[in-house]
Amino acid sequence: MTSEVAIVGAGVSGLACARALASAGHRPIVFERSRGVGGRCATRRIFDQPVDHGASFLHGVDEEFLVDAEAVDGAEILQGWPSNVAGDGPPCSPQAFRERERRWAYASGVSVFPKTLARGLDIRLGTEVAAIGDERNGATIIAAEGGRTRFSTVVLALPAETARGLTEPHAPGSRDLRSVTALLRLVGSQSCLTAICGYPGGGSAPPWEVCYPADSASVQMISHDSSKRRRARFTVLVIQGKPCWSRVRLDDPESSWGAELIAEAARIAGPWAAVPAWVQFHRWRFARSDRGSELSRPVKVHLPGGGRLVVTGEAFAPGGGIEAAWTAGRAAARRVMEET
């Protein structure tokens, strides 16, 4: 068994890549700058209640993906969630509501899926990769806090903007890397400002599970997150901003854009939503890939010194969403194992 593959990014794409490589006899090492795995497949515990503040549910049609997503130990799967959908606004993932598409949520939170993918893998959390070093017959992972580790292959399972920051320094000396860097400039990500609002249990609550308002300039979606929970202590709304609205306000104070989202949620759901008992916020700088800039498969190039670089992520498979991230990760593993 070998440890010659580094994967940068422990979102669903990076984890799916690592899991496929491990199943084929490799021992990949995954580097992740945050304290947990999953990327936007994220669940917080607030007053011991799970809250999904990124992806609210999963959906897909690929049978292997469905098997993986349902192979979560001890997790209660809520098939068909959301079934009660209000509003005629465009959903974040329109394909989720096609007739042939299956969709589901987890009573314990969506993060159970990436945590299951991560089980048994060598994952270095809290490790930010500052640069990729090119050397003879390999590539070096250079950590922000110091330290260098050499690998024969490096997989970048990151948002395109972040991956580009690691490829650009080497682009002048390599025609292949110049091409990859130029390609990454064409692949964009959408931002999403998110307000998480809790209200006393047993009081007011929306009659729907998810709302996509058609007439809102700021709100893309409101998820009635507590409708997924057993014995929820709080009614919880997760209010997600529209991409363009979020991008313009991305660096503004939370108090500014948060108040706008809450006021708009109150207009949509009712005056009770204007006065939450508690509020938390999250900035998703790279929430999801831009529709229309998707690629067909991950890219693999040879570095000038002889190492190999594979670039993958949600944008490197059709359809977008968590299923696309998983598909692109598996495809990246196949590219790693190709002879050339």
Protein backbone atom coordinates (compact mmCIF):
# COMPACT_ATOMS: atom_id res chain seq x y z
CA MET A 1 0.00 0.00 0.00
CA THR A 2 1.23 3.50 -0.80
CA SER A 3 0.77 7.01 0.65
CA GLU A 4 1.69 8.90 -2.50
CA VAL A 5 -1.55 10.82 -2.99
CA ALA A 6 -2.47 14.03 -1.18
CA ILE A 7 -5.99 15.42 -1.36
CA VAL A 8 -6.50 19.07 -0.46
CA GLY A 9 -10.06 19.62 0.77
CA ALA A 10 -12.29 17.37 2.90
CA GLY A 11 -15.61 18.34 1.37
CA VAL A 12 -17.73 15.62 -0.21
CA SER A 13 -15.63 15.65 -3.39
CA GLY A 14 -12.32 15.18 -1.59
CA LEU A 15 -13.74 12.53 0.71
CA ALA A 16 -15.34 10.58 -2.16
CA CYS A 17 -11.98 10.66 -3.97
CA ALA A 18 -10.11 9.47 -0.88
CA ARG A 19 -12.66 6.73 -0.17
CA ALA A 20 -12.39 5.38 -3.75
CA LEU A 21 -8.59 5.42 -3.62
CA ALA A 22 -8.55 3.67 -0.25
CA SER A 23 -10.89 0.98 -1.61
CA ALA A 24 -8.37 0.41 -4.43
CA GLY A 25 -5.47 -0.11 -2.00
CA HIS A 26 -4.03 3.38 -1.77
CA ARG A 27 -3.52 5.32 1.46
CA PRO A 28 -4.34 8.91 0.56
CA ILE A 29 -3.79 11.73 3.04
CA VAL A 30 -6.46 14.44 3.14
CA PHE A 31 -5.59 18.00 4.21
CA GLU A 32 -8.39 20.22 5.47
CA ARG A 33 -7.99 23.72 6.89
CA SER A 34 -11.18 23.71 8.96
CA ARG A 35 -11.91 21.73 12.13
CA GLY A 36 -14.36 19.33 10.50
CA VAL A 37 -15.17 17.53 7.28
CA GLY A 38 -18.00 18.02 4.82
CA GLY A 39 -17.73 21.55 3.44
CA ARG A 40 -21.23 22.92 2.91
CA CYS A 41 -22.69 19.55 3.99
CA ALA A 42 -22.59 21.20 7.39
CA THR A 43 -24.50 20.77 10.64
CA ARG A 44 -24.17 22.88 13.80
CA ARG A 45 -25.42 21.88 17.21
CA ILE A 46 -27.15 24.86 18.83
CA PHE A 47 -28.44 24.22 22.36
CA ASP A 48 -27.90 20.55 21.51
CA GLN A 49 -30.24 20.75 18.50
CA PRO A 50 -28.78 19.94 15.05
CA VAL A 51 -29.13 22.66 12.42
CA ASP A 52 -28.17 22.28 8.75
CA HIS A 53 -26.84 25.69 7.71
CA GLY A 54 -25.47 24.74 4.28
CA ALA A 55 -27.18 22.04 2.22
CA SER A 56 -30.64 21.44 3.69
CA PHE A 57 -31.17 18.08 2.00
CA LEU A 58 -29.57 15.77 -0.52
CA HIS A 59 -30.92 14.58 -3.85
CA GLY A 60 -29.79 12.44 -6.75
CA VAL A 61 -30.39 9.70 -9.28
CA ASP A 62 -27.06 7.85 -9.44
CA GLU A 63 -27.58 4.45 -7.81
CA GLU A 64 -24.05 4.25 -6.38
CA PHE A 65 -24.41 7.72 -4.87
CA LEU A 66 -27.77 6.75 -3.37
CA VAL A 67 -26.22 3.64 -1.81
CA ASP A 68 -23.37 5.69 -0.33
CA ALA A 69 -25.71 8.39 0.97
CA GLU A 70 -27.97 5.86 2.67
CA ALA A 71 -25.14 3.81 4.20
CA VAL A 72 -24.94 6.05 7.26
CA ASP A 73 -24.71 4.17 10.52
CA GLY A 74 -27.70 4.62 12.77
CA ALA A 75 -28.98 7.75 11.00
CA GLU A 76 -32.69 8.25 10.46
CA ILE A 77 -33.26 9.09 6.80
CA LEU A 78 -36.23 11.30 5.99
CA GLN A 79 -37.16 10.13 2.50
CA GLY A 80 -38.84 12.74 0.31
CA TRP A 81 -37.94 15.73 2.52
CA PRO A 82 -38.92 18.39 1.73
CA SER A 83 -42.36 17.32 0.58
CA ASN A 84 -44.18 20.48 1.66
CA VAL A 85 -42.67 23.22 -0.49
CA ALA A 86 -44.08 26.75 -0.70
CA GLY A 87 -43.35 29.57 -3.12
CA ASP A 88 -42.76 29.74 -6.84
CA GLY A 89 -39.21 31.12 -6.68
CA PRO A 90 -36.35 29.26 -8.38
CA PRO A 91 -34.87 26.58 -6.10
CA CYS A 92 -31.11 26.44 -5.57
CA SER A 93 -31.09 23.04 -7.31
CA PRO A 94 -34.02 22.87 -9.74
CA GLN A 95 -33.25 19.27 -10.64
CA ALA A 96 -33.99 18.24 -7.03
CA PHE A 97 -37.69 18.50 -7.79
CA ARG A 98 -37.75 16.53 -11.03
CA GLU A 99 -40.01 13.51 -10.95
CA ARG A 100 -37.17 10.98 -11.28
CA GLU A 101 -35.00 12.62 -8.63
CA ARG A 102 -34.91 11.19 -5.12
CA ARG A 103 -34.41 13.60 -2.22
CA TRP A 104 -33.96 13.08 1.50
CA ALA A 105 -32.70 14.64 4.72
CA TYR A 106 -31.21 13.25 7.92
CA ALA A 107 -32.87 13.66 11.32
CA SER A 108 -29.41 14.04 12.89
CA GLY A 109 -28.18 16.54 10.25
CA VAL A 110 -26.60 16.34 6.78
CA SER A 111 -23.06 16.18 8.18
CA VAL A 112 -23.62 12.51 8.99
CA PHE A 113 -23.01 11.78 5.29
CA PRO A 114 -19.48 13.25 4.97
CA LYS A 115 -18.59 11.91 8.42
CA THR A 116 -19.48 8.43 7.16
CA LEU A 117 -17.35 8.93 4.04
CA ALA A 118 -14.46 10.09 6.25
CA ARG A 119 -14.47 7.05 8.51
CA GLY A 120 -11.08 5.30 8.51
CA LEU A 121 -9.35 7.86 6.28
CA ASP A 122 -6.16 9.74 7.20
CA ILE A 123 -7.45 13.32 7.49
CA ARG A 124 -5.30 16.19 8.78
CA LEU A 125 -7.79 18.73 10.10
CA GLY A 126 -6.76 22.30 10.86
CA THR A 127 -4.05 22.15 8.19
CA GLU A 128 -4.13 24.92 5.61
CA VAL A 129 -2.16 24.26 2.43
CA ALA A 130 -0.41 27.50 1.52
CA ALA A 131 1.34 26.32 -1.64
CA ILE A 132 2.16 23.37 -3.86
CA GLY A 133 5.88 22.95 -4.44
CA ASP A 134 7.10 21.44 -7.71
CA GLU A 135 10.16 19.21 -7.48
CA ARG A 136 11.74 16.30 -9.30
CA ASN A 137 9.27 13.43 -9.72
CA GLY A 138 6.83 14.83 -7.22
CA ALA A 139 4.84 17.66 -5.71
CA THR A 140 5.23 19.06 -2.22
CA ILE A 141 2.40 20.12 0.06
CA ILE A 142 3.55 23.25 1.91
CA ALA A 143 1.45 23.95 5.02
CA ALA A 144 0.71 27.49 6.16
CA GLU A 145 2.14 26.78 9.61
CA GLY A 146 5.31 25.27 8.13
CA GLY A 147 6.27 21.78 7.07
CA ARG A 148 6.61 20.15 3.67
CA THR A 149 5.41 16.70 2.58
CA ARG A 150 6.21 15.17 -0.80
CA PHE A 151 3.70 13.20 -2.88
CA SER A 152 3.66 11.85 -6.41
CA THR A 153 0.11 13.16 -6.98
CA VAL A 154 -1.82 16.05 -5.48
CA VAL A 155 -5.62 16.34 -5.86
CA LEU A 156 -7.19 19.75 -5.39
CA ALA A 157 -10.81 19.21 -4.28
CA LEU A 158 -11.54 22.88 -3.68
CA PRO A 159 -13.66 25.74 -4.98
CA ALA A 160 -12.24 26.91 -8.31
CA GLU A 161 -11.15 30.25 -6.85
CA THR A 162 -9.15 28.56 -4.08
CA ALA A 163 -7.62 25.97 -6.41
CA ARG A 164 -6.52 28.73 -8.77
CA GLY A 165 -4.57 30.35 -5.95
CA LEU A 166 -2.48 27.17 -5.71
CA THR A 167 -1.94 26.65 -9.46
CA GLU A 168 -1.16 30.23 -10.52
CA PRO A 169 2.36 30.44 -9.02
CA HIS A 170 3.49 27.56 -11.25
CA ALA A 171 1.58 28.56 -14.38
CA PRO A 172 4.35 30.66 -16.01
CA GLY A 173 6.65 27.64 -16.22
CA SER A 174 4.15 25.11 -17.53
CA ARG A 175 1.87 25.25 -20.54
CA ASP A 176 -0.43 22.64 -18.97
CA LEU A 177 -0.75 24.64 -15.75
CA ARG A 178 -1.38 27.82 -17.68
CA SER A 179 -4.27 26.01 -19.37
CA VAL A 180 -5.65 24.70 -16.07
CA THR A 181 -5.37 28.13 -14.44
CA ALA A 182 -7.15 29.75 -17.38
CA LEU A 183 -9.87 27.09 -17.15
CA LEU A 184 -10.33 27.75 -13.43
CA ARG A 185 -10.87 31.44 -14.18
CA LEU A 186 -13.95 30.42 -16.16
CA VAL A 187 -15.41 28.35 -13.32
CA GLY A 188 -17.13 30.50 -10.72
CA SER A 189 -18.82 30.00 -7.37
CA GLN A 190 -21.93 31.57 -5.87
CA SER A 191 -21.93 33.18 -2.44
CA CYS A 192 -24.63 32.77 0.19
CA LEU A 193 -25.13 34.78 3.37
CA THR A 194 -27.11 32.78 5.90
CA ALA A 195 -29.03 33.66 9.05
CA ILE A 196 -29.95 30.89 11.52
CA CYS A 197 -32.85 31.92 13.73
CA GLY A 198 -34.29 30.08 16.73
CA TYR A 199 -37.73 30.63 18.29
CA PRO A 200 -39.30 29.08 21.41
CA GLY A 201 -40.70 25.63 20.70
CA GLY A 202 -44.46 25.27 20.86
CA GLY A 203 -45.05 28.75 19.48
CA SER A 204 -45.49 29.93 15.91
CA ALA A 205 -44.00 27.94 13.04
CA PRO A 206 -44.38 27.96 9.26
CA PRO A 207 -46.76 25.45 7.67
CA TRP A 208 -44.14 24.46 5.08
CA GLU A 209 -40.78 22.66 5.24
CA VAL A 210 -39.04 24.81 2.62
CA CYS A 211 -40.04 28.10 1.00
CA TYR A 212 -38.68 29.56 -2.24
CA PRO A 213 -40.19 33.07 -2.36
CA ALA A 214 -40.79 34.38 -5.86
CA ASP A 215 -40.97 38.06 -4.99
CA SER A 216 -37.92 38.51 -2.74
CA ALA A 217 -34.87 40.52 -3.75
CA SER A 218 -32.76 39.07 -0.94
CA VAL A 219 -33.97 35.62 0.15
CA GLN A 220 -33.35 32.55 -1.99
CA MET A 221 -34.72 29.97 0.42
CA ILE A 222 -36.04 29.56 3.95
CA SER A 223 -35.68 26.10 5.45
CA HIS A 224 -37.90 25.12 8.38
CA ASP A 225 -34.98 23.13 9.75
CA SER A 226 -36.66 22.03 12.97
CA SER A 227 -39.27 20.12 10.96
CA LYS A 228 -36.51 17.53 10.42
CA ARG A 229 -35.83 17.07 14.13
CA ARG A 230 -37.39 14.75 16.67
CA ARG A 231 -38.45 16.54 19.85
CA ALA A 232 -37.02 19.88 18.69
CA ARG A 233 -36.53 22.35 21.52
CA PHE A 234 -36.67 25.34 19.16
CA THR A 235 -38.42 26.23 15.95
CA VAL A 236 -35.48 26.99 13.64
CA LEU A 237 -35.47 28.86 10.34
CA VAL A 238 -32.37 28.87 8.14
CA ILE A 239 -32.61 31.89 5.84
CA GLN A 240 -30.31 31.81 2.80
CA GLY A 241 -29.59 34.91 0.74
CA LYS A 242 -29.67 35.07 -3.04
CA PRO A 243 -26.26 34.75 -4.73
CA CYS A 244 -25.99 38.25 -6.23
CA TRP A 245 -27.42 39.91 -3.13
CA SER A 246 -24.99 37.92 -0.97
CA ARG A 247 -21.94 38.69 -3.09
CA VAL A 248 -22.48 42.45 -2.86
CA ARG A 249 -22.80 42.29 0.96
CA LEU A 250 -20.28 39.54 1.61
CA ASP A 251 -17.85 41.69 3.59
CA ASP A 252 -20.46 43.86 5.32
CA PRO A 253 -21.08 43.46 9.08
CA GLU A 254 -23.35 40.58 10.06
CA SER A 255 -25.64 43.00 11.88
CA SER A 256 -26.39 44.74 8.58
CA TRP A 257 -27.18 41.90 6.21
CA GLY A 258 -28.52 39.68 9.01
CA ALA A 259 -31.19 42.24 9.89
CA GLU A 260 -32.23 42.41 6.23
CA LEU A 261 -32.63 38.65 5.99
CA ILE A 262 -34.63 38.42 9.22
CA ALA A 263 -36.94 41.29 8.23
CA GLU A 264 -37.58 39.64 4.87
CA ALA A 265 -38.23 36.27 6.52
CA ALA A 266 -40.83 37.97 8.74
CA ARG A 267 -42.53 39.42 5.67
CA ILE A 268 -42.66 35.96 4.12
CA ALA A 269 -43.36 33.72 7.13
CA GLY A 270 -45.18 36.13 9.44
CA PRO A 271 -44.43 38.85 12.00
CA TRP A 272 -43.41 36.26 14.64
CA ALA A 273 -40.24 35.55 12.61
CA ALA A 274 -38.98 39.11 13.23
CA VAL A 275 -38.12 38.38 16.87
CA PRO A 276 -35.94 35.28 17.21
CA ALA A 277 -34.81 34.13 20.66
CA TRP A 278 -31.30 33.66 19.27
CA VAL A 279 -29.50 34.19 15.97
CA GLN A 280 -26.29 32.90 14.39
CA PHE A 281 -24.81 33.80 11.01
CA HIS A 282 -22.61 32.19 8.40
CA ARG A 283 -20.87 33.53 5.31
CA TRP A 284 -20.62 30.97 2.52
CA ARG A 285 -18.10 32.70 0.25
CA PHE A 286 -18.13 29.69 -2.09
CA ALA A 287 -21.52 28.11 -1.49
CA ARG A 288 -22.00 26.26 -4.77
CA SER A 289 -20.70 26.26 -8.32
CA ASP A 290 -22.13 28.66 -10.87
CA ARG A 291 -24.64 27.00 -13.14
CA GLY A 292 -23.47 27.11 -16.74
CA SER A 293 -19.76 26.83 -15.93
CA GLU A 294 -19.78 23.10 -15.17
CA LEU A 295 -17.16 20.82 -16.74
CA SER A 296 -17.51 17.21 -17.77
CA ARG A 297 -14.77 15.65 -15.63
CA PRO A 298 -11.74 16.42 -13.43
CA VAL A 299 -8.56 17.74 -15.03
CA LYS A 300 -5.15 16.04 -14.71
CA VAL A 301 -1.82 17.60 -15.68
CA HIS A 302 1.85 16.78 -15.19
CA LEU A 303 3.93 19.28 -13.27
CA PRO A 304 7.26 20.35 -14.81
CA GLY A 305 9.20 18.30 -12.24
CA GLY A 306 7.25 15.11 -12.97
CA GLY A 307 4.56 15.10 -10.29
CA ARG A 308 0.89 15.02 -11.16
CA LEU A 309 -1.92 17.39 -10.29
CA VAL A 310 -5.63 16.57 -10.47
CA VAL A 311 -8.26 19.30 -10.05
CA THR A 312 -11.80 18.33 -9.08
CA GLY A 313 -14.85 19.53 -7.16
CA GLU A 314 -18.56 20.10 -7.71
CA ALA A 315 -17.96 22.08 -10.91
CA PHE A 316 -16.19 19.11 -12.53
CA ALA A 317 -19.34 17.03 -13.01
CA PRO A 318 -22.71 17.86 -14.58
CA GLY A 319 -25.70 18.90 -12.50
CA GLY A 320 -24.16 20.63 -9.52
CA GLY A 321 -24.93 19.91 -5.89
CA ILE A 322 -23.69 17.24 -3.49
CA GLU A 323 -24.21 14.44 -6.02
CA ALA A 324 -22.00 16.28 -8.53
CA ALA A 325 -19.32 16.78 -5.86
CA TRP A 326 -19.41 13.05 -5.05
CA THR A 327 -19.33 12.11 -8.75
CA ALA A 328 -16.38 14.42 -9.44
CA GLY A 329 -14.48 13.01 -6.47
CA ARG A 330 -14.89 9.45 -7.69
CA ALA A 331 -13.88 10.50 -11.20
CA ALA A 332 -10.77 12.20 -9.76
CA ALA A 333 -9.77 8.91 -8.11
CA ARG A 334 -10.00 7.18 -11.48
CA ARG A 335 -7.81 9.87 -13.03
CA VAL A 336 -5.23 9.38 -10.28
CA MET A 337 -5.09 5.68 -11.05
CA GLU A 338 -4.74 6.11 -14.80
CA GLU A 339 -1.36 5.05 -16.16
CA THR A 340 -0.67 8.37 -17.88
